[in-house]
C-alpha atoms as a PDB file:
ATOM      1  CA  MET A   1       7.702  23.399  52.045  1.00  0.00           C
ATOM      2  CA  LYS A   2       8.057  24.756  48.509  1.00  0.00           C
ATOM      3  CA  ILE A   3       8.277  22.481  45.455  1.00  0.00           C
ATOM      4  CA  ILE A   4       8.799  23.439  41.792  1.00  0.00           C
ATOM      5  CA  LEU A   5       6.861  20.909  39.707  1.00  0.00           C
ATOM      6  CA  SER A   6       8.231  21.082  36.207  1.00  0.00           C
ATOM      7  CA  THR A   7       5.678  19.883  33.609  1.00  0.00           C
ATOM      8  CA  ASP A   8       5.722  19.293  29.871  1.00  0.00           C
ATOM      9  CA  PHE A   9       1.890  19.148  29.758  1.00  0.00           C
ATOM     10  CA  SER A  10       1.854  15.492  28.677  1.00  0.00           C
ATOM     11  CA  ASP A  11      -0.754  13.117  30.083  1.00  0.00           C
ATOM     12  CA  GLU A  12       2.074  10.966  31.416  1.00  0.00           C
ATOM     13  CA  ASN A  13       3.330  13.984  33.373  1.00  0.00           C
ATOM     14  CA  LYS A  14       0.260  13.777  35.637  1.00  0.00           C
ATOM     15  CA  MET A  15       2.150  11.096  37.576  1.00  0.00           C
ATOM     16  CA  LEU A  16       4.027  13.925  39.302  1.00  0.00           C
ATOM     17  CA  PHE A  17       0.951  15.332  41.023  1.00  0.00           C
ATOM     18  CA  PRO A  18       0.434  12.567  43.614  1.00  0.00           C
ATOM     19  CA  TYR A  19       4.092  12.890  44.673  1.00  0.00           C
ATOM     20  CA  ALA A  20       3.854  16.655  45.139  1.00  0.00           C
ATOM     21  CA  ILE A  21       0.618  16.404  47.102  1.00  0.00           C
ATOM     22  CA  ASP A  22       1.737  13.534  49.293  1.00  0.00           C
ATOM     23  CA  LEU A  23       5.050  15.194  50.194  1.00  0.00           C
ATOM     24  CA  MET A  24       3.223  18.306  51.375  1.00  0.00           C
ATOM     25  CA  LYS A  25      -0.129  17.141  52.767  1.00  0.00           C
ATOM     26  CA  VAL A  26       1.138  17.123  56.355  1.00  0.00           C
ATOM     27  CA  THR A  27       3.370  20.178  56.434  1.00  0.00           C
ATOM     28  CA  GLY A  28       1.535  22.193  53.770  1.00  0.00           C
ATOM     29  CA  GLY A  29       3.298  24.670  51.508  1.00  0.00           C
ATOM     30  CA  GLU A  30       3.378  25.823  47.928  1.00  0.00           C
ATOM     31  CA  ILE A  31       3.457  23.887  44.638  1.00  0.00           C
ATOM     32  CA  ILE A  32       4.912  25.940  41.794  1.00  0.00           C
ATOM     33  CA  LEU A  33       3.788  24.664  38.391  1.00  0.00           C
ATOM     34  CA  PHE A  34       6.468  25.510  35.820  1.00  0.00           C
ATOM     35  CA  HIS A  35       6.634  25.207  32.061  1.00  0.00           C
ATOM     36  CA  ALA A  36       8.929  26.788  29.472  1.00  0.00           C
ATOM     37  CA  TYR A  37       8.434  26.820  25.717  1.00  0.00           C
ATOM     38  CA  MET A  38      11.044  27.690  23.088  1.00  0.00           C
ATOM     39  CA  ASP A  39      10.544  31.279  21.953  1.00  0.00           C
ATOM     40  CA  GLN A  40      13.397  31.867  19.476  1.00  0.00           C
ATOM     41  CA  ILE A  41      12.316  33.943  16.418  1.00  0.00           C
ATOM     42  CA  LEU A  42      14.079  33.063  13.187  1.00  0.00           C
ATOM     43  CA  MET A  43      15.028  36.038  10.996  1.00  0.00           C
ATOM     44  CA  GLY A  44      14.795  35.792   7.201  1.00  0.00           C
ATOM     45  CA  ASP A  45      16.809  37.578   4.505  1.00  0.00           C
ATOM     46  CA  SER A  46      14.126  39.302   2.390  1.00  0.00           C
ATOM     47  CA  SER A  47      13.599  43.028   2.826  1.00  0.00           C
ATOM     48  CA  PHE A  48      10.456  44.252   4.502  1.00  0.00           C
ATOM     49  CA  PRO A  49       9.297  47.713   5.697  1.00  0.00           C
ATOM     50  CA  GLY A  50      10.970  48.736   8.930  1.00  0.00           C
ATOM     51  CA  GLY A  51      13.766  46.216   8.478  1.00  0.00           C
ATOM     52  CA  LEU A  52      11.438  43.248   9.164  1.00  0.00           C
ATOM     53  CA  ASP A  53      10.544  40.448   6.768  1.00  0.00           C
ATOM     54  CA  SER A  54       7.857  37.858   6.172  1.00  0.00           C
ATOM     55  CA  ASP A  55       9.678  35.200   8.232  1.00  0.00           C
ATOM     56  CA  THR A  56       9.772  37.583  11.187  1.00  0.00           C
ATOM     57  CA  PHE A  57       6.020  38.207  11.050  1.00  0.00           C
ATOM     58  CA  PHE A  58       5.324  34.498  10.587  1.00  0.00           C
ATOM     59  CA  ASN A  59       7.412  33.538  13.595  1.00  0.00           C
ATOM     60  CA  ARG A  60       5.939  36.224  15.799  1.00  0.00           C
ATOM     61  CA  GLU A  61       2.481  34.946  14.934  1.00  0.00           C
ATOM     62  CA  LEU A  62       3.611  31.398  15.664  1.00  0.00           C
ATOM     63  CA  LEU A  63       5.164  32.464  18.949  1.00  0.00           C
ATOM     64  CA  SER A  64       1.972  34.243  19.979  1.00  0.00           C
ATOM     65  CA  GLU A  65      -0.025  31.094  19.257  1.00  0.00           C
ATOM     66  CA  MET A  66       2.460  28.925  21.220  1.00  0.00           C
ATOM     67  CA  GLU A  67       2.137  31.237  24.190  1.00  0.00           C
ATOM     68  CA  LYS A  68      -1.657  31.105  24.066  1.00  0.00           C
ATOM     69  CA  GLN A  69      -1.683  27.327  23.868  1.00  0.00           C
ATOM     70  CA  ALA A  70       0.815  27.053  26.686  1.00  0.00           C
ATOM     71  CA  ALA A  71      -1.356  29.285  28.873  1.00  0.00           C
ATOM     72  CA  ILE A  72      -4.401  27.079  28.156  1.00  0.00           C
ATOM     73  CA  PHE A  73      -2.489  23.899  29.004  1.00  0.00           C
ATOM     74  CA  MET A  74      -1.111  25.461  32.173  1.00  0.00           C
ATOM     75  CA  GLU A  75      -4.589  26.382  33.368  1.00  0.00           C
ATOM     76  CA  GLU A  76      -5.763  22.830  32.704  1.00  0.00           C
ATOM     77  CA  LYS A  77      -2.925  21.408  34.803  1.00  0.00           C
ATOM     78  CA  ARG A  78      -3.635  23.898  37.541  1.00  0.00           C
ATOM     79  CA  ARG A  79      -7.287  22.846  37.667  1.00  0.00           C
ATOM     80  CA  LEU A  80      -6.283  19.179  37.714  1.00  0.00           C
ATOM     81  CA  LEU A  81      -3.957  19.793  40.636  1.00  0.00           C
ATOM     82  CA  GLU A  82      -6.637  21.791  42.450  1.00  0.00           C
ATOM     83  CA  GLU A  83      -9.100  18.939  42.002  1.00  0.00           C
ATOM     84  CA  GLY A  84      -6.595  16.555  43.568  1.00  0.00           C
ATOM     85  CA  LEU A  85      -6.255  18.849  46.588  1.00  0.00           C
ATOM     86  CA  GLU A  86     -10.043  19.220  46.909  1.00  0.00           C
ATOM     87  CA  GLN A  87     -10.596  15.471  46.817  1.00  0.00           C
ATOM     88  CA  LEU A  88      -8.288  15.115  49.820  1.00  0.00           C
ATOM     89  CA  ASN A  89      -9.737  18.240  51.485  1.00  0.00           C
ATOM     90  CA  LEU A  90      -6.256  19.786  51.658  1.00  0.00           C
ATOM     91  CA  LYS A  91      -6.419  23.500  52.283  1.00  0.00           C
ATOM     92  CA  ASN A  92      -2.832  23.977  53.461  1.00  0.00           C
ATOM     93  CA  ILE A  93      -1.283  23.778  49.966  1.00  0.00           C
ATOM     94  CA  SER A  94      -1.312  26.687  47.567  1.00  0.00           C
ATOM     95  CA  ILE A  95      -0.571  26.659  43.823  1.00  0.00           C
ATOM     96  CA  GLN A  96       1.364  29.194  41.805  1.00  0.00           C
ATOM     97  CA  THR A  97       2.113  28.975  38.040  1.00  0.00           C
ATOM     98  CA  PHE A  98       5.122  30.161  36.054  1.00  0.00           C
ATOM     99  CA  LEU A  99       5.015  30.099  32.262  1.00  0.00           C
ATOM    100  CA  LYS A 100       8.245  31.174  30.575  1.00  0.00           C
ATOM    101  CA  GLY A 101       9.407  31.567  27.007  1.00  0.00           C
ATOM    102  CA  GLY A 102      12.982  30.409  26.539  1.00  0.00           C
ATOM    103  CA  ASP A 103      15.255  27.412  26.919  1.00  0.00           C
ATOM    104  CA  PRO A 104      13.520  25.026  29.386  1.00  0.00           C
ATOM    105  CA  GLU A 105      16.697  24.079  31.225  1.00  0.00           C
ATOM    106  CA  GLN A 106      17.942  27.639  31.628  1.00  0.00           C
ATOM    107  CA  GLU A 107      14.548  28.931  32.663  1.00  0.00           C
ATOM    108  CA  LEU A 108      14.198  26.228  35.296  1.00  0.00           C
ATOM    109  CA  MET A 109      17.610  27.015  36.694  1.00  0.00           C
ATOM    110  CA  HIS A 110      16.793  30.736  36.823  1.00  0.00           C
ATOM    111  CA  LEU A 111      13.523  30.112  38.601  1.00  0.00           C
ATOM    112  CA  THR A 112      15.249  27.829  41.102  1.00  0.00           C
ATOM    113  CA  GLU A 113      17.765  30.546  41.915  1.00  0.00           C
ATOM    114  CA  GLU A 114      14.992  33.103  42.269  1.00  0.00           C
ATOM    115  CA  LEU A 115      12.503  31.144  44.412  1.00  0.00           C
ATOM    116  CA  GLU A 116      14.904  28.848  46.355  1.00  0.00           C
ATOM    117  CA  PRO A 117      12.535  25.861  46.576  1.00  0.00           C
ATOM    118  CA  ASP A 118      13.066  22.888  48.881  1.00  0.00           C
ATOM    119  CA  MET A 119      12.876  20.524  45.912  1.00  0.00           C
ATOM    120  CA  ILE A 120      12.415  20.254  42.161  1.00  0.00           C
ATOM    121  CA  LEU A 121      10.000  17.548  40.989  1.00  0.00           C
ATOM    122  CA  MET A 122      10.251  16.537  37.335  1.00  0.00           C
ATOM    123  CA  GLY A 123       9.630  13.640  34.968  1.00  0.00           C
ATOM    124  CA  THR A 124      12.092  11.637  32.893  1.00  0.00           C
ATOM    125  CA  ARG A 125      11.526   9.860  29.609  1.00  0.00           C
ATOM    126  CA  GLY A 126      12.907   6.601  28.374  1.00  0.00           C
ATOM    127  CA  LYS A 127      15.809   6.159  25.989  1.00  0.00           C
ATOM    128  CA  GLY A 128      15.039   7.402  22.508  1.00  0.00           C
ATOM    129  CA  ARG A 129      12.032   9.467  23.519  1.00  0.00           C
ATOM    130  CA  LYS A 130      12.229  13.133  22.595  1.00  0.00           C
ATOM    131  CA  GLY A 131      10.629  15.863  24.625  1.00  0.00           C
ATOM    132  CA  PHE A 132      10.855  18.795  26.992  1.00  0.00           C
ATOM    133  CA  LEU A 133      11.680  16.799  30.104  1.00  0.00           C
ATOM    134  CA  GLU A 134      13.536  13.826  28.718  1.00  0.00           C
ATOM    135  CA  GLY A 135      16.242  12.044  30.647  1.00  0.00           C
ATOM    136  CA  SER A 136      19.104  14.209  29.345  1.00  0.00           C
ATOM    137  CA  MET A 137      17.539  17.355  30.799  1.00  0.00           C
ATOM    138  CA  ALA A 138      16.960  15.659  34.147  1.00  0.00           C
ATOM    139  CA  LYS A 139      20.582  14.576  34.284  1.00  0.00           C
ATOM    140  CA  SER A 140      21.758  18.096  33.524  1.00  0.00           C
ATOM    141  CA  ILE A 141      19.457  19.737  36.045  1.00  0.00           C
ATOM    142  CA  MET A 142      20.511  17.307  38.775  1.00  0.00           C
ATOM    143  CA  ALA A 143      24.145  18.277  38.337  1.00  0.00           C
ATOM    144  CA  LYS A 144      23.563  22.031  38.184  1.00  0.00           C
ATOM    145  CA  VAL A 145      20.916  23.185  40.684  1.00  0.00           C
ATOM    146  CA  HIS A 146      21.627  23.556  44.385  1.00  0.00           C
ATOM    147  CA  VAL A 147      18.444  21.874  45.678  1.00  0.00           C
ATOM    148  CA  PRO A 148      17.345  18.216  45.775  1.00  0.00           C
ATOM    149  CA  VAL A 149      15.788  16.918  42.544  1.00  0.00           C
ATOM    150  CA  LEU A 150      13.168  14.178  42.556  1.00  0.00           C
ATOM    151  CA  ALA A 151      12.847  12.626  39.081  1.00  0.00           C
ATOM    152  CA  ILE A 152       9.983  10.212  38.299  1.00  0.00           C
ATOM    153  CA  PRO A 153      10.221   7.898  35.234  1.00  0.00           C
ATOM    154  CA  GLU A 154       7.470   8.144  32.663  1.00  0.00           C
ATOM    155  CA  GLY A 155       4.715   5.615  33.394  1.00  0.00           C
ATOM    156  CA  TYR A 156       5.745   5.009  36.991  1.00  0.00           C
ATOM    157  CA  GLN A 157       2.799   4.723  39.366  1.00  0.00           C
ATOM    158  CA  TRP A 158       2.963   6.527  42.683  1.00  0.00           C
ATOM    159  CA  ALA A 159       4.280   4.424  45.592  1.00  0.00           C
ATOM    160  CA  PRO A 160       5.469   5.379  49.090  1.00  0.00           C
ATOM    161  CA  SER A 161       9.235   5.753  49.253  1.00  0.00           C
ATOM    162  CA  ASN A 162       9.855   3.384  52.167  1.00  0.00           C
ATOM    163  CA  GLN A 163      12.671   1.198  50.753  1.00  0.00           C
ATOM    164  CA  VAL A 164      15.428   3.605  49.662  1.00  0.00           C
ATOM    165  CA  MET A 165      18.845   2.910  48.198  1.00  0.00           C
ATOM    166  CA  TYR A 166      21.530   5.514  48.968  1.00  0.00           C
ATOM    167  CA  ALA A 167      24.712   5.001  46.896  1.00  0.00           C
ATOM    168  CA  THR A 168      27.761   6.212  48.803  1.00  0.00           C
ATOM    169  CA  ASN A 169      31.308   6.918  47.734  1.00  0.00           C
ATOM    170  CA  PHE A 170      32.354   7.845  51.299  1.00  0.00           C
ATOM    171  CA  GLY A 171      32.679  11.601  50.713  1.00  0.00           C
ATOM    172  CA  LYS A 172      32.900  14.067  53.582  1.00  0.00           C
ATOM    173  CA  PHE A 173      29.217  15.087  53.268  1.00  0.00           C
ATOM    174  CA  GLU A 174      27.677  11.615  53.458  1.00  0.00           C
ATOM    175  CA  VAL A 175      26.394  11.979  57.009  1.00  0.00           C
ATOM    176  CA  SER A 176      24.714  15.343  56.409  1.00  0.00           C
ATOM    177  CA  THR A 177      23.186  14.100  53.137  1.00  0.00           C
ATOM    178  CA  ILE A 178      21.728  10.976  54.739  1.00  0.00           C
ATOM    179  CA  ASN A 179      20.284  13.120  57.544  1.00  0.00           C
ATOM    180  CA  GLN A 180      18.755  15.395  54.881  1.00  0.00           C
ATOM    181  CA  LEU A 181      17.273  12.300  53.253  1.00  0.00           C
ATOM    182  CA  PHE A 182      15.635  11.261  56.552  1.00  0.00           C
ATOM    183  CA  ASN A 183      14.236  14.743  57.011  1.00  0.00           C
ATOM    184  CA  LEU A 184      12.674  14.802  53.539  1.00  0.00           C
ATOM    185  CA  LEU A 185      11.222  11.294  53.706  1.00  0.00           C
ATOM    186  CA  GLY A 186      10.553  11.000  57.421  1.00  0.00           C
ATOM    187  CA  LYS A 187       6.776  10.731  56.987  1.00  0.00           C
ATOM    188  CA  TYR A 188       7.242   7.501  55.039  1.00  0.00           C
ATOM    189  CA  GLN A 189       9.382   5.914  57.786  1.00  0.00           C
ATOM    190  CA  PRO A 190      11.884   4.737  55.191  1.00  0.00           C
ATOM    191  CA  VAL A 191      14.455   2.000  55.470  1.00  0.00           C
ATOM    192  CA  VAL A 192      17.608   3.492  53.957  1.00  0.00           C
ATOM    193  CA  HIS A 193      20.001   0.978  52.383  1.00  0.00           C
ATOM    194  CA  VAL A 194      23.438   2.613  52.269  1.00  0.00           C
ATOM    195  CA  VAL A 195      25.318   0.686  49.590  1.00  0.00           C
ATOM    196  CA  HIS A 196      28.746   0.769  47.982  1.00  0.00           C
ATOM    197  CA  PHE A 197      29.743  -1.397  45.059  1.00  0.00           C
ATOM    198  CA  LEU A 198      33.374  -2.447  44.742  1.00  0.00           C
ATOM    199  CA  ASP A 199      35.537  -4.820  42.800  1.00  0.00           C
ATOM    200  CA  GLU A 200      35.738  -8.399  44.014  1.00  0.00           C
ATOM    201  CA  ASN A 201      39.501  -8.023  44.585  1.00  0.00           C
ATOM    202  CA  ALA A 202      39.433  -4.611  46.263  1.00  0.00           C
ATOM    203  CA  ASP A 203      41.202  -4.136  49.594  1.00  0.00           C
ATOM    204  CA  ASN A 204      39.525  -3.541  52.957  1.00  0.00           C
ATOM    205  CA  LYS A 205      39.594   0.260  52.796  1.00  0.00           C
ATOM    206  CA  SER A 206      35.933   0.427  51.861  1.00  0.00           C
ATOM    207  CA  SER A 207      35.022  -1.797  54.793  1.00  0.00           C
ATOM    208  CA  LEU A 208      36.713   0.619  57.188  1.00  0.00           C
ATOM    209  CA  LEU A 209      35.010   3.583  55.596  1.00  0.00           C
ATOM    210  CA  MET A 210      31.584   1.922  55.742  1.00  0.00           C
ATOM    211  CA  GLU A 211      32.098   1.109  59.422  1.00  0.00           C
ATOM    212  CA  GLU A 212      33.048   4.731  60.106  1.00  0.00           C
ATOM    213  CA  LEU A 213      29.851   5.866  58.384  1.00  0.00           C
ATOM    214  CA  ARG A 214      27.814   3.347  60.365  1.00  0.00           C
ATOM    215  CA  GLN A 215      29.015   4.799  63.645  1.00  0.00           C
ATOM    216  CA  SER A 216      27.167   8.040  62.848  1.00  0.00           C
ATOM    217  CA  PHE A 217      23.815   6.250  62.678  1.00  0.00           C
ATOM    218  CA  LYS A 218      23.840   3.854  65.653  1.00  0.00           C
ATOM    219  CA  GLN A 219      20.400   4.926  66.847  1.00  0.00           C
ATOM    220  CA  GLU A 220      18.807   4.657  63.416  1.00  0.00           C
ATOM    221  CA  GLU A 221      20.383   1.245  62.884  1.00  0.00           C
ATOM    222  CA  ALA A 222      19.063   0.047  66.247  1.00  0.00           C
ATOM    223  CA  ARG A 223      15.607   1.118  65.138  1.00  0.00           C
ATOM    224  CA  GLN A 224      16.130  -0.753  61.839  1.00  0.00           C
ATOM    225  CA  GLN A 225      15.814   2.483  59.890  1.00  0.00           C
ATOM    226  CA  ILE A 226      19.119   2.105  58.074  1.00  0.00           C
ATOM    227  CA  ARG A 227      21.303  -0.695  56.730  1.00  0.00           C
ATOM    228  CA  PHE A 228      24.869  -0.685  55.433  1.00  0.00           C
ATOM    229  CA  GLU A 229      25.979  -3.024  52.684  1.00  0.00           C
ATOM    230  CA  LEU A 230      29.216  -3.483  50.757  1.00  0.00           C
ATOM    231  CA  ILE A 231      28.661  -5.403  47.553  1.00  0.00           C
ATOM    232  CA  ARG A 232      31.648  -7.006  45.907  1.00  0.00           C
ATOM    233  CA  THR A 233      30.987  -7.782  42.283  1.00  0.00           C
ATOM    234  CA  SER A 234      32.589  -8.013  38.850  1.00  0.00           C
ATOM    235  CA  SER A 235      29.456  -6.447  37.361  1.00  0.00           C
ATOM    236  CA  PRO A 236      28.280  -3.419  39.369  1.00  0.00           C
ATOM    237  CA  ARG A 237      25.678  -2.566  36.739  1.00  0.00           C
ATOM    238  CA  GLU A 238      23.901  -5.909  37.088  1.00  0.00           C
ATOM    239  CA  ALA A 239      24.482  -6.043  40.843  1.00  0.00           C
ATOM    240  CA  MET A 240      22.737  -2.687  41.315  1.00  0.00           C
ATOM    241  CA  LYS A 241      19.707  -3.874  39.349  1.00  0.00           C
ATOM    242  CA  VAL A 242      19.471  -7.125  41.256  1.00  0.00           C
ATOM    243  CA  PHE A 243      19.875  -5.321  44.605  1.00  0.00           C
ATOM    244  CA  CYS A 244      16.991  -2.987  43.824  1.00  0.00           C
ATOM    245  CA  GLU A 245      14.736  -5.846  42.749  1.00  0.00           C
ATOM    246  CA  GLN A 246      15.520  -8.088  45.719  1.00  0.00           C
ATOM    247  CA  ASN A 247      15.059  -5.288  48.271  1.00  0.00           C
ATOM    248  CA  HIS A 248      11.966  -3.767  46.569  1.00  0.00           C
ATOM    249  CA  ILE A 249      13.717  -0.402  46.279  1.00  0.00           C
ATOM    250  CA  SER A 250      11.229   2.358  45.406  1.00  0.00           C
ATOM    251  CA  LEU A 251      13.689   5.257  45.378  1.00  0.00           C
ATOM    252  CA  ALA A 252      17.373   5.551  44.388  1.00  0.00           C
ATOM    253  CA  THR A 253      19.276   8.415  45.955  1.00  0.00           C
ATOM    254  CA  PHE A 254      22.793   9.789  45.496  1.00  0.00           C
ATOM    255  CA  ILE A 255      24.866  12.942  45.433  1.00  0.00           C
ATOM    256  CA  ALA A 256      24.878  14.518  41.985  1.00  0.00           C
ATOM    257  CA  HIS A 257      28.437  15.545  41.336  1.00  0.00           C
ATOM    258  CA  LYS A 258      29.071  18.428  38.981  1.00  0.00           C
ATOM    259  CA  ARG A 259      31.373  16.418  36.709  1.00  0.00           C
ATOM    260  CA  SER A 260      30.850  12.768  35.808  1.00  0.00           C
ATOM    261  CA  TRP A 261      28.533  12.566  38.753  1.00  0.00           C
ATOM    262  CA  LEU A 262      27.234   8.997  38.313  1.00  0.00           C
ATOM    263  CA  ASP A 263      30.513   7.687  36.930  1.00  0.00           C
ATOM    264  CA  TYR A 264      32.198   9.048  40.091  1.00  0.00           C
ATOM    265  CA  ILE A 265      30.008   6.951  42.359  1.00  0.00           C
ATOM    266  CA  PHE A 266      31.034   3.676  40.744  1.00  0.00           C
ATOM    267  CA  LYS A 267      34.445   4.649  39.420  1.00  0.00           C
ATOM    268  CA  ASP A 268      33.463   4.493  35.728  1.00  0.00           C
ATOM    269  CA  LYS A 269      31.919   0.993  36.020  1.00  0.00           C
ATOM    270  CA  VAL A 270      28.348   2.240  35.931  1.00  0.00           C
ATOM    271  CA  GLY A 271      27.355   4.959  33.482  1.00  0.00           C
ATOM    272  CA  LYS A 272      24.743   7.691  33.845  1.00  0.00           C
ATOM    273  CA  ASP A 273      22.093   5.787  31.938  1.00  0.00           C
ATOM    274  CA  ASP A 274      22.285   2.775  34.245  1.00  0.00           C
ATOM    275  CA  PHE A 275      20.666   4.633  37.118  1.00  0.00           C
ATOM    276  CA  PHE A 276      17.942   5.960  34.856  1.00  0.00           C
ATOM    277  CA  ASN A 277      17.409   2.475  33.392  1.00  0.00           C
ATOM    278  CA  LEU A 278      16.448   1.105  36.796  1.00  0.00           C
ATOM    279  CA  GLY A 279      12.995   2.508  36.059  1.00  0.00           C
ATOM    280  CA  ILE A 280      12.394   3.835  39.589  1.00  0.00           C
ATOM    281  CA  PRO A 281      12.257   7.395  41.003  1.00  0.00           C
ATOM    282  CA  MET A 282      15.578   9.104  41.741  1.00  0.00           C
ATOM    283  CA  LEU A 283      16.369  11.718  44.368  1.00  0.00           C
ATOM    284  CA  THR A 284      19.630  13.623  44.043  1.00  0.00           C
ATOM    285  CA  PHE A 285      21.463  16.000  46.354  1.00  0.00           C
ATOM    286  CA  ARG A 286      24.234  18.522  45.687  1.00  0.00           C
ATOM    287  CA  LEU A 287      27.322  19.019  47.801  1.00  0.00           C
ATOM    288  CA  PRO A 288      27.428  22.298  49.738  1.00  0.00           C
ATOM    289  CA  ASP A 289      30.594  23.454  47.952  1.00  0.00           C
ATOM    290  CA  GLN A 290      29.056  22.757  44.534  1.00  0.00           C
ATOM    291  CA  ALA A 291      26.083  25.080  44.852  1.00  0.00           C
END
């Protein structure tokens, strides 16, 4: 298994390490620590020998210092991750680091295309917080990369992902995506709650589609590994929150559509921020024809 762990070097970002280690401690693999820092050099107007100016020299010096500091922070995170592996006596997991200068989102996308990891692991920050890996970047990455993205909210403490909500809109790739979910989380023996929220006055079409989906997982349902639930409500936003609380959901999963991906799931009744505001980890998948 190969995971890109995208870090902003914050202390809060250390919450990602237990997830990466736990996902790989049985199968082994490679954790790729990634960080990108902005490296744009601003050009001034005053004349200087060779066509350069004082602003250019200042920004090059600043850029050099940023790069040095980033390298120091990266080494600290590497050592911290190594200590975590040593404490568990795990010798089947290797660590590689990638430090890039450039736009964080673009650099992460380029690295994903180059290395083809099995998953991207990243943090998200609450509303109003500014930073390298804030929620807006996570949303964008989820909708653009072709691999699963596991996003952990800032301050969330590690917990096994054994009660999982999968939000379905009855697309043609639901069966393969749910199977992929079981493959990724199999070691946790998860109970997957396949849910669909619909209007109180909606017709029975969704019931028929849910039953059709259920037929593909008869064995898993018999083993109580999966449940199927249609939730009729006038307030999907509140219903989703209550559902997660009542069922002790520790992971929300869904297909990240390229355009209006979260709005698509709930037909514009639940916005993008509502999933993030649940305050629990999120795992997203991309459709094969969107990669």
